[in-house]
């Protein structure tokens, strides 16, 4: 089984987006909380993509 270790940066970046965006979406005022919620959504997508590409590098 081949593991794509070069995609672990995607996992770290996704987790950083999630960990920053969740509290910020509740803490920031009205126009900025939308950007924080979008950062959480993008973080989830990047995290899942990173896990998928790390475990199965020839998926795409």
N, C-alpha and C. Protein backbone atom coordinates (compact mmCIF):
# COMPACT_ATOMS: atom_id res chain seq x y z
N UNK A 1 0.84 -1.17 0.00
CA UNK A 1 0.00 0.00 0.00
C UNK A 1 0.89 1.24 0.00
N UNK A 2 0.59 2.14 -0.89
CA UNK A 2 1.37 3.35 -1.02
C UNK A 2 0.64 4.50 -0.31
N UNK A 3 1.38 5.27 0.50
CA UNK A 3 0.80 6.38 1.24
C UNK A 3 1.38 7.68 0.70
N UNK A 4 0.53 8.65 0.43
CA UNK A 4 0.97 9.94 -0.09
C UNK A 4 1.24 10.92 1.04
N UNK A 5 2.45 10.89 1.55
CA UNK A 5 2.80 11.75 2.68
C UNK A 5 2.85 13.23 2.30
N UNK A 6 2.94 13.55 1.02
CA UNK A 6 3.03 14.95 0.62
C UNK A 6 1.70 15.67 0.80
N UNK A 7 0.63 14.94 1.04
CA UNK A 7 -0.68 15.55 1.21
C UNK A 7 -1.03 15.82 2.68
N UNK A 8 -0.11 15.57 3.58
CA UNK A 8 -0.40 15.85 4.99
C UNK A 8 -0.52 17.35 5.26
N UNK A 9 0.05 18.18 4.41
CA UNK A 9 -0.12 19.63 4.56
C UNK A 9 -1.58 20.03 4.36
N UNK A 10 -2.29 19.31 3.50
CA UNK A 10 -3.72 19.58 3.33
C UNK A 10 -4.49 19.27 4.61
N UNK A 11 -4.10 18.20 5.30
CA UNK A 11 -4.77 17.84 6.54
C UNK A 11 -4.53 18.92 7.59
N UNK A 12 -3.30 19.36 7.71
CA UNK A 12 -2.96 20.38 8.71
C UNK A 12 -3.66 21.70 8.38
N UNK A 13 -3.69 22.08 7.12
CA UNK A 13 -4.35 23.32 6.72
C UNK A 13 -5.85 23.26 6.96
N UNK A 14 -6.45 22.13 6.66
CA UNK A 14 -7.88 21.96 6.91
C UNK A 14 -8.22 22.03 8.38
N UNK A 15 -7.41 21.38 9.20
CA UNK A 15 -7.65 21.45 10.64
C UNK A 15 -7.46 22.86 11.18
N UNK A 16 -6.49 23.58 10.65
CA UNK A 16 -6.28 24.97 11.08
C UNK A 16 -7.47 25.84 10.72
N UNK A 17 -8.02 25.65 9.54
CA UNK A 17 -9.21 26.41 9.14
C UNK A 17 -10.41 26.10 10.01
N UNK A 18 -10.57 24.85 10.36
CA UNK A 18 -11.69 24.45 11.21
C UNK A 18 -11.51 25.00 12.62
N UNK A 19 -10.31 24.83 13.16
CA UNK A 19 -10.07 25.27 14.54
C UNK A 19 -10.11 26.78 14.69
N UNK A 20 -9.75 27.53 13.65
CA UNK A 20 -9.87 28.97 13.73
C UNK A 20 -11.31 29.43 13.48
N UNK A 21 -11.98 28.81 12.53
CA UNK A 21 -13.28 29.30 12.09
C UNK A 21 -14.43 29.01 13.03
N UNK A 22 -14.40 27.90 13.73
CA UNK A 22 -15.52 27.58 14.61
C UNK A 22 -15.71 28.61 15.72
N UNK A 23 -14.70 28.94 16.50
CA UNK A 23 -14.92 29.98 17.51
C UNK A 23 -15.11 31.37 16.90
N UNK A 24 -14.44 31.63 15.78
CA UNK A 24 -14.53 32.95 15.17
C UNK A 24 -15.92 33.20 14.59
N UNK A 25 -16.60 32.18 14.14
CA UNK A 25 -17.95 32.34 13.59
C UNK A 25 -18.94 32.78 14.66
N UNK A 26 -18.67 32.47 15.91
CA UNK A 26 -19.55 32.88 16.99
C UNK A 26 -19.08 34.16 17.66
N UNK A 27 -17.81 34.49 17.53
CA UNK A 27 -17.24 35.64 18.22
C UNK A 27 -17.32 36.91 17.40
N UNK A 28 -17.18 36.83 16.09
CA UNK A 28 -17.11 38.02 15.24
C UNK A 28 -18.49 38.62 14.98
N UNK A 29 -18.49 39.88 14.57
CA UNK A 29 -19.74 40.58 14.26
C UNK A 29 -20.31 40.09 12.93
N UNK A 30 -21.47 40.59 12.59
CA UNK A 30 -22.30 40.05 11.52
C UNK A 30 -21.63 39.89 10.15
N UNK A 31 -20.99 40.87 9.55
CA UNK A 31 -20.46 40.57 8.21
C UNK A 31 -19.26 39.63 8.22
N UNK A 32 -18.48 39.67 9.30
CA UNK A 32 -17.26 38.86 9.34
C UNK A 32 -17.51 37.41 9.75
N UNK A 33 -18.64 37.14 10.41
CA UNK A 33 -18.91 35.77 10.81
C UNK A 33 -19.22 34.88 9.60
N UNK A 34 -19.67 35.48 8.52
CA UNK A 34 -19.92 34.70 7.30
C UNK A 34 -18.61 34.19 6.72
N UNK A 35 -17.58 35.03 6.75
CA UNK A 35 -16.26 34.61 6.25
C UNK A 35 -15.68 33.51 7.14
N UNK A 36 -15.89 33.59 8.44
CA UNK A 36 -15.39 32.55 9.33
C UNK A 36 -16.13 31.24 9.11
N UNK A 37 -17.43 31.31 8.87
CA UNK A 37 -18.19 30.09 8.59
C UNK A 37 -17.77 29.48 7.25
N UNK A 38 -17.45 30.32 6.28
CA UNK A 38 -16.95 29.82 5.00
C UNK A 38 -15.58 29.19 5.16
N UNK A 39 -14.77 29.73 6.07
CA UNK A 39 -13.46 29.13 6.35
C UNK A 39 -13.60 27.75 6.96
N UNK A 40 -14.62 27.56 7.80
CA UNK A 40 -14.87 26.24 8.38
C UNK A 40 -15.27 25.26 7.28
N UNK A 41 -16.15 25.69 6.40
CA UNK A 41 -16.59 24.81 5.31
C UNK A 41 -15.42 24.44 4.40
N UNK A 42 -14.61 25.42 4.04
CA UNK A 42 -13.43 25.14 3.21
C UNK A 42 -12.44 24.25 3.96
N UNK A 43 -12.31 24.46 5.26
CA UNK A 43 -11.42 23.62 6.06
C UNK A 43 -11.86 22.17 6.08
N UNK A 44 -13.16 21.94 6.17
CA UNK A 44 -13.68 20.57 6.15
C UNK A 44 -13.41 19.91 4.80
N UNK A 45 -13.63 20.66 3.73
CA UNK A 45 -13.40 20.10 2.39
C UNK A 45 -11.92 19.78 2.18
N UNK A 46 -11.04 20.71 2.58
CA UNK A 46 -9.59 20.49 2.42
C UNK A 46 -9.12 19.34 3.30
N UNK A 47 -9.65 19.23 4.52
CA UNK A 47 -9.27 18.14 5.41
C UNK A 47 -9.68 16.79 4.83
N UNK A 48 -10.90 16.68 4.34
CA UNK A 48 -11.37 15.41 3.77
C UNK A 48 -10.57 15.07 2.51
N UNK A 49 -10.28 16.07 1.69
CA UNK A 49 -9.46 15.82 0.50
C UNK A 49 -8.06 15.36 0.88
N UNK A 50 -7.48 15.97 1.91
CA UNK A 50 -6.15 15.57 2.37
C UNK A 50 -6.12 14.16 2.90
N UNK A 51 -7.13 13.79 3.68
CA UNK A 51 -7.19 12.42 4.20
C UNK A 51 -7.37 11.42 3.06
N UNK A 52 -8.23 11.76 2.12
CA UNK A 52 -8.47 10.86 1.00
C UNK A 52 -7.21 10.69 0.15
N UNK A 53 -6.52 11.77 -0.14
CA UNK A 53 -5.32 11.67 -0.96
C UNK A 53 -4.14 11.05 -0.20
N UNK A 54 -4.12 11.18 1.11
CA UNK A 54 -3.05 10.54 1.88
C UNK A 54 -3.25 9.03 1.93
N UNK A 55 -4.48 8.61 2.12
CA UNK A 55 -4.74 7.16 2.22
C UNK A 55 -4.77 6.49 0.85
N UNK A 56 -5.33 7.15 -0.14
CA UNK A 56 -5.46 6.58 -1.48
C UNK A 56 -4.92 7.61 -2.48
N UNK A 57 -3.59 7.67 -2.69
CA UNK A 57 -3.02 8.74 -3.53
C UNK A 57 -3.40 8.66 -5.00
N UNK A 58 -3.81 7.53 -5.49
CA UNK A 58 -4.19 7.42 -6.91
C UNK A 58 -5.70 7.45 -7.09
N UNK A 59 -6.42 8.09 -6.16
CA UNK A 59 -7.86 8.13 -6.22
C UNK A 59 -8.36 8.94 -7.41
N UNK A 60 -7.73 10.07 -7.66
CA UNK A 60 -8.18 10.91 -8.77
C UNK A 60 -7.43 10.55 -10.00
